[in-house]
Protein backbone atom coordinates (compact mmCIF):
# COMPACT_ATOMS: atom_id res chain seq x y z
CA MET A 1 0.38 -0.29 -0.12
CA LYS A 2 1.17 3.44 -1.06
CA SER A 3 2.63 5.30 2.06
CA SER A 4 0.63 8.59 1.15
CA ILE A 5 -2.69 6.28 1.56
CA VAL A 6 -1.17 4.79 4.63
CA GLU A 7 -0.53 8.18 6.25
CA SER A 8 -4.02 9.38 5.17
CA ILE A 9 -5.45 6.85 7.08
CA LYS A 10 -3.71 7.21 10.03
CA SER A 11 -4.39 10.83 9.90
CA LEU A 12 -8.43 9.72 10.27
CA PRO A 13 -10.40 11.50 12.72
CA PRO A 14 -12.31 9.20 15.40
CA LEU A 15 -15.63 8.88 14.54
CA SER A 16 -18.29 10.88 16.29
CA LYS A 17 -19.75 10.37 19.66
CA THR A 18 -23.05 9.63 18.07
CA ILE A 19 -21.83 6.97 16.20
CA LEU A 20 -20.08 5.86 18.94
CA ASP A 21 -23.55 5.40 20.82
CA ILE A 22 -25.03 4.17 17.54
CA ASN A 23 -22.46 0.98 18.19
CA ARG A 24 -23.24 0.62 21.55
CA VAL A 25 -26.73 0.81 21.39
CA TYR A 26 -27.22 -1.46 18.33
CA ALA A 27 -24.83 -4.47 20.32
CA ASP A 28 -26.68 -3.95 23.16
CA GLU A 29 -29.37 -6.83 23.08
CA GLU A 30 -31.75 -4.83 25.94
CA THR A 31 -32.23 -2.22 23.71
CA GLY A 32 -34.43 -1.82 20.64
CA VAL A 33 -35.11 0.83 17.98
CA ALA A 34 -36.75 3.64 20.65
CA GLU A 35 -33.36 3.85 22.53
CA LEU A 36 -31.38 3.96 19.06
CA ALA A 37 -33.85 6.56 17.70
CA LYS A 38 -33.54 8.74 21.43
CA VAL A 39 -29.24 8.65 20.06
CA ILE A 40 -30.10 9.87 16.70
CA ALA A 41 -32.13 12.54 17.70
CA HIS A 42 -29.22 14.55 19.17
CA ASP A 43 -27.40 14.94 15.57
CA PRO A 44 -29.26 17.21 13.17
CA MET A 45 -27.02 16.10 10.28
CA ILE A 46 -27.90 12.25 10.73
CA VAL A 47 -31.67 13.01 11.24
CA ALA A 48 -31.67 14.45 7.79
CA ASN A 49 -29.64 12.29 6.23
CA LEU A 50 -32.07 8.95 7.90
CA LEU A 51 -35.28 11.07 6.81
CA LYS A 52 -34.09 11.94 3.24
CA ASN A 53 -33.18 7.80 2.73
CA ALA A 54 -36.56 7.40 4.45
CA ASN A 55 -38.21 9.40 1.56
CA SER A 56 -36.20 8.25 -1.39
CA PRO A 57 -38.35 6.25 -3.96
CA LEU A 58 -35.12 3.65 -3.17
CA TYR A 59 -36.25 2.33 -0.39
CA GLY A 60 -40.43 2.50 -1.03
CA PHE A 61 -41.98 2.98 1.97
CA GLY A 62 -45.17 4.88 -0.17
CA LYS A 63 -45.86 7.47 2.96
CA GLU A 64 -43.50 10.82 4.01
CA ILE A 65 -41.76 9.60 6.65
CA LYS A 66 -41.73 13.31 9.36
CA ASN A 67 -39.60 12.04 12.38
CA VAL A 68 -36.42 9.93 13.56
CA ALA A 69 -38.80 7.26 15.59
CA GLN A 70 -41.08 6.91 12.32
CA ALA A 71 -37.77 6.24 10.39
CA VAL A 72 -35.70 3.84 12.63
CA SER A 73 -38.91 1.80 13.43
CA LEU A 74 -39.19 1.26 9.35
CA PHE A 75 -35.82 0.54 8.66
CA GLY A 76 -34.74 -1.77 11.76
CA MET A 77 -31.80 -1.18 13.71
CA SER A 78 -29.13 -2.45 11.51
CA MET A 79 -30.04 -0.74 8.56
CA THR A 80 -30.33 2.81 10.54
CA ARG A 81 -26.94 1.83 11.91
CA SER A 82 -25.95 1.09 7.89
CA ILE A 83 -27.24 4.58 6.78
CA ALA A 84 -25.62 6.62 9.80
CA LEU A 85 -22.39 5.52 9.76
CA GLY A 86 -22.17 5.52 5.67
CA ASN A 87 -23.07 9.10 5.50
CA SER A 88 -20.80 10.23 8.83
CA VAL A 89 -17.43 8.24 7.06
CA ARG A 90 -18.32 10.13 3.73
CA LYS A 91 -18.46 13.41 5.73
CA LEU A 92 -15.43 12.50 7.55
CA LEU A 93 -13.17 11.68 4.58
CA ASN A 94 -14.55 14.83 2.20
CA VAL A 95 -16.18 12.81 -0.76
CA ASP A 96 -14.75 13.83 -4.15
CA MET A 97 -15.05 10.95 -6.75
CA GLN A 98 -14.42 13.42 -9.71
CA PRO A 99 -11.22 11.14 -10.84
CA TYR A 100 -14.45 8.20 -10.81
CA GLY A 101 -16.21 10.18 -12.74
CA VAL A 102 -19.24 10.39 -10.62
CA THR A 103 -20.52 13.16 -8.49
CA SER A 104 -20.62 12.48 -4.92
CA GLU A 105 -24.19 12.11 -4.65
CA LYS A 106 -24.00 9.46 -7.30
CA PHE A 107 -21.25 7.32 -5.17
CA ALA A 108 -23.57 7.57 -1.91
CA GLU A 109 -26.41 6.56 -4.38
CA VAL A 110 -24.79 3.59 -6.15
CA SER A 111 -23.91 2.82 -2.52
CA GLU A 112 -27.05 2.67 -1.43
CA MET A 113 -27.76 0.35 -4.27
CA GLN A 114 -25.27 -2.33 -3.50
CA ALA A 115 -26.70 -2.58 0.26
CA THR A 116 -30.29 -2.35 -1.11
CA LEU A 117 -29.88 -5.33 -3.88
CA MET A 118 -27.77 -7.03 -0.74
CA LEU A 119 -30.44 -6.92 1.75
CA LYS A 120 -33.27 -8.18 -0.56
CA TRP A 121 -31.01 -10.76 -1.68
CA TYR A 122 -29.91 -12.14 1.76
CA GLU A 123 -32.90 -11.72 3.29
CA LYS A 124 -34.63 -14.92 1.63
CA VAL A 125 -30.83 -16.82 2.19
CA ASP A 126 -30.27 -15.84 5.76
CA LYS A 127 -31.66 -13.05 7.71
CA GLN A 128 -28.84 -12.78 10.43
CA LYS A 129 -26.11 -12.93 7.53
CA ALA A 130 -28.11 -10.53 6.16
CA ASP A 131 -27.84 -8.03 8.45
CA ASP A 132 -23.94 -8.13 8.76
CA LEU A 133 -23.61 -8.11 4.90
CA TYR A 134 -25.94 -4.85 4.61
CA LEU A 135 -23.94 -2.71 6.42
CA ALA A 136 -20.61 -3.99 4.32
CA ALA A 137 -22.11 -3.64 1.33
CA PHE A 138 -22.90 -0.06 2.08
CA LEU A 139 -19.21 0.55 3.05
CA GLN A 140 -17.29 -1.38 0.99
CA GLU A 141 -16.43 1.38 -1.50
CA THR A 142 -15.40 3.63 1.11
CA GLY A 143 -11.57 3.09 0.19
CA LYS A 144 -12.33 4.69 -3.48
CA ILE A 145 -12.79 8.10 -1.41
CA LEU A 146 -9.23 7.88 -0.19
CA ILE A 147 -7.67 6.31 -3.46
CA ALA A 148 -9.58 9.60 -5.47
CA SER A 149 -8.19 12.06 -3.04
CA ASP A 150 -4.07 10.25 -3.63
CA ILE A 151 -4.81 10.22 -7.51
CA ILE A 152 -5.92 13.94 -7.50
CA GLN A 153 -3.18 15.05 -5.37
CA GLU A 154 -0.52 13.00 -7.84
CA ASP A 155 -2.57 15.01 -10.69
CA GLU A 156 -3.19 11.31 -12.62
CA ASP A 157 -7.17 11.99 -12.59
CA VAL A 158 -7.71 13.17 -16.00
CA SER A 159 -6.25 9.74 -17.34
CA PHE A 160 -7.41 7.61 -14.44
CA LYS A 161 -11.16 9.02 -15.24
CA ALA A 162 -10.14 8.09 -18.73
CA GLU A 163 -9.50 4.41 -17.71
CA VAL A 164 -12.46 4.21 -15.50
CA GLU A 165 -15.07 5.00 -17.98
CA PHE A 166 -14.42 1.94 -19.74
CA SER A 167 -12.94 -0.30 -17.34
CA ASN A 168 -14.49 -4.12 -16.36
CA ASN A 169 -12.54 -4.44 -13.03
CA LEU A 170 -12.14 -1.49 -11.38
CA ALA A 171 -9.82 -3.13 -8.74
CA GLN A 172 -7.36 -4.16 -10.97
CA LEU A 173 -7.14 -0.48 -12.44
CA GLU A 174 -7.04 0.89 -8.95
CA LYS A 175 -3.89 -1.36 -8.42
CA SER A 176 -2.18 -0.30 -11.49
CA TYR A 177 -2.41 3.01 -9.97
CA VAL A 178 -2.00 3.20 -6.46
CA ASP A 179 -0.65 -0.75 -5.93
CA VAL A 180 -3.72 -1.69 -3.82
CA SER A 181 -7.89 -1.84 -4.21
CA SER A 182 -10.17 -0.27 -2.42
CA SER A 183 -11.70 -2.97 -1.15
CA GLU A 184 -7.96 -3.52 0.98
CA VAL A 185 -7.92 0.39 1.97
CA THR A 186 -11.39 -0.03 2.89
CA ALA A 187 -10.51 -2.94 5.44
CA GLU A 188 -7.39 -0.57 7.14
CA VAL A 189 -10.19 1.94 7.03
CA PHE A 190 -12.25 0.21 9.50
CA ASN A 191 -9.27 -1.20 11.19
CA HIS A 192 -8.05 2.26 12.46
CA TRP A 193 -11.69 2.48 13.57
CA GLY A 194 -11.56 -0.69 15.58
CA PHE A 195 -13.99 -2.40 14.08
CA ASP A 196 -14.34 -6.21 14.57
CA GLU A 197 -12.04 -8.65 12.58
CA LYS A 198 -14.83 -10.38 10.70
CA PHE A 199 -16.40 -7.41 9.36
CA ILE A 200 -12.84 -6.32 8.32
CA ASP A 201 -12.04 -9.32 6.25
CA MET A 202 -15.31 -9.60 4.54
CA ILE A 203 -14.65 -6.77 2.96
CA ARG A 204 -10.79 -6.74 2.79
CA TYR A 205 -10.90 -10.44 0.53
CA SER A 206 -14.29 -9.17 -1.41
CA ASP A 207 -12.01 -8.84 -4.75
CA THR A 208 -10.40 -12.19 -4.09
CA PRO A 209 -13.03 -14.16 -2.26
CA THR A 210 -11.54 -17.46 -3.15
CA ALA A 211 -8.15 -16.82 -0.85
CA ALA A 212 -10.50 -15.80 1.95
CA PRO A 213 -10.37 -17.46 4.96
CA GLN A 214 -13.11 -20.05 5.44
CA LYS A 215 -15.45 -18.04 8.07
CA VAL A 216 -15.84 -14.80 5.87
CA ALA A 217 -15.58 -17.04 2.36
CA GLU A 218 -19.53 -16.62 1.98
CA TYR A 219 -19.46 -12.90 2.93
CA ALA A 220 -16.87 -11.79 0.85
CA THR A 221 -18.22 -13.90 -2.02
CA ALA A 222 -21.62 -12.18 -1.75
CA LEU A 223 -20.03 -8.60 -1.47
CA ASN A 224 -18.36 -9.39 -4.66
CA ILE A 225 -21.07 -10.45 -6.76
CA VAL A 226 -22.84 -7.38 -5.92
CA LYS A 227 -20.26 -4.67 -6.82
CA THR A 228 -19.64 -6.21 -9.81
CA ILE A 229 -23.16 -6.03 -10.85
CA LEU A 230 -22.87 -2.82 -9.35
CA PRO A 231 -20.04 -0.83 -10.16
CA ILE A 232 -19.66 2.78 -9.30
CA ASN A 233 -19.04 3.51 -13.16
CA LYS A 234 -21.47 1.28 -14.74
CA PRO A 235 -23.87 -0.01 -12.20
CA PHE A 236 -26.44 -2.70 -13.79
CA SER A 237 -25.12 -2.47 -17.30
CA GLU A 238 -25.19 -5.15 -19.73
CA GLN A 239 -21.52 -6.15 -19.16
CA ALA A 240 -21.89 -5.94 -15.10
């Protein structure tokens, strides 16, 4: 991994107190959606993003969602946590996805599409695994933010963007420029923030699921399938 990307990861600020509180409530089996809604209510930015997502056609709730408690109840604890964490991570990393040829809004939209596809698929396979995979699918492209930043700093954004447009293997393209794929960068980001080993490894091996340890091989394979169908440069394309 390039030293500049390593240094970028080391210099990342800690996650906000609200996110830490969300993780604490989520991990406590004695708590529920009411406690989670109370924690989120203290952070206006997370509230705004949660309500924006709740009223998006992507989730199809069919009625206007006007308050946090209503949104958390409809999304459930796992999905609420994922949305809050995803938006907070993107804000911490100052998203500029221009080298990938997409806006920050489009990047967020594709991340949500990956997570939604994963959820709809894996709820029919294993609901417990669906919860774990939803968060991983939502955040698995996070490393692209740091790679985009590094490419801009190296003045390689024009050539990289030109190759992204026609690439059917973004991981391979990333390695040709920065010696590492976004899945590996993402894994190190969440290692820096103290996430559990299983979550980190399912993302780390999502480009190479056949090399994954047995305990995460299924998860890594599922993540690989979802981002192959929905790459940020051409989601749902015929080739994808």
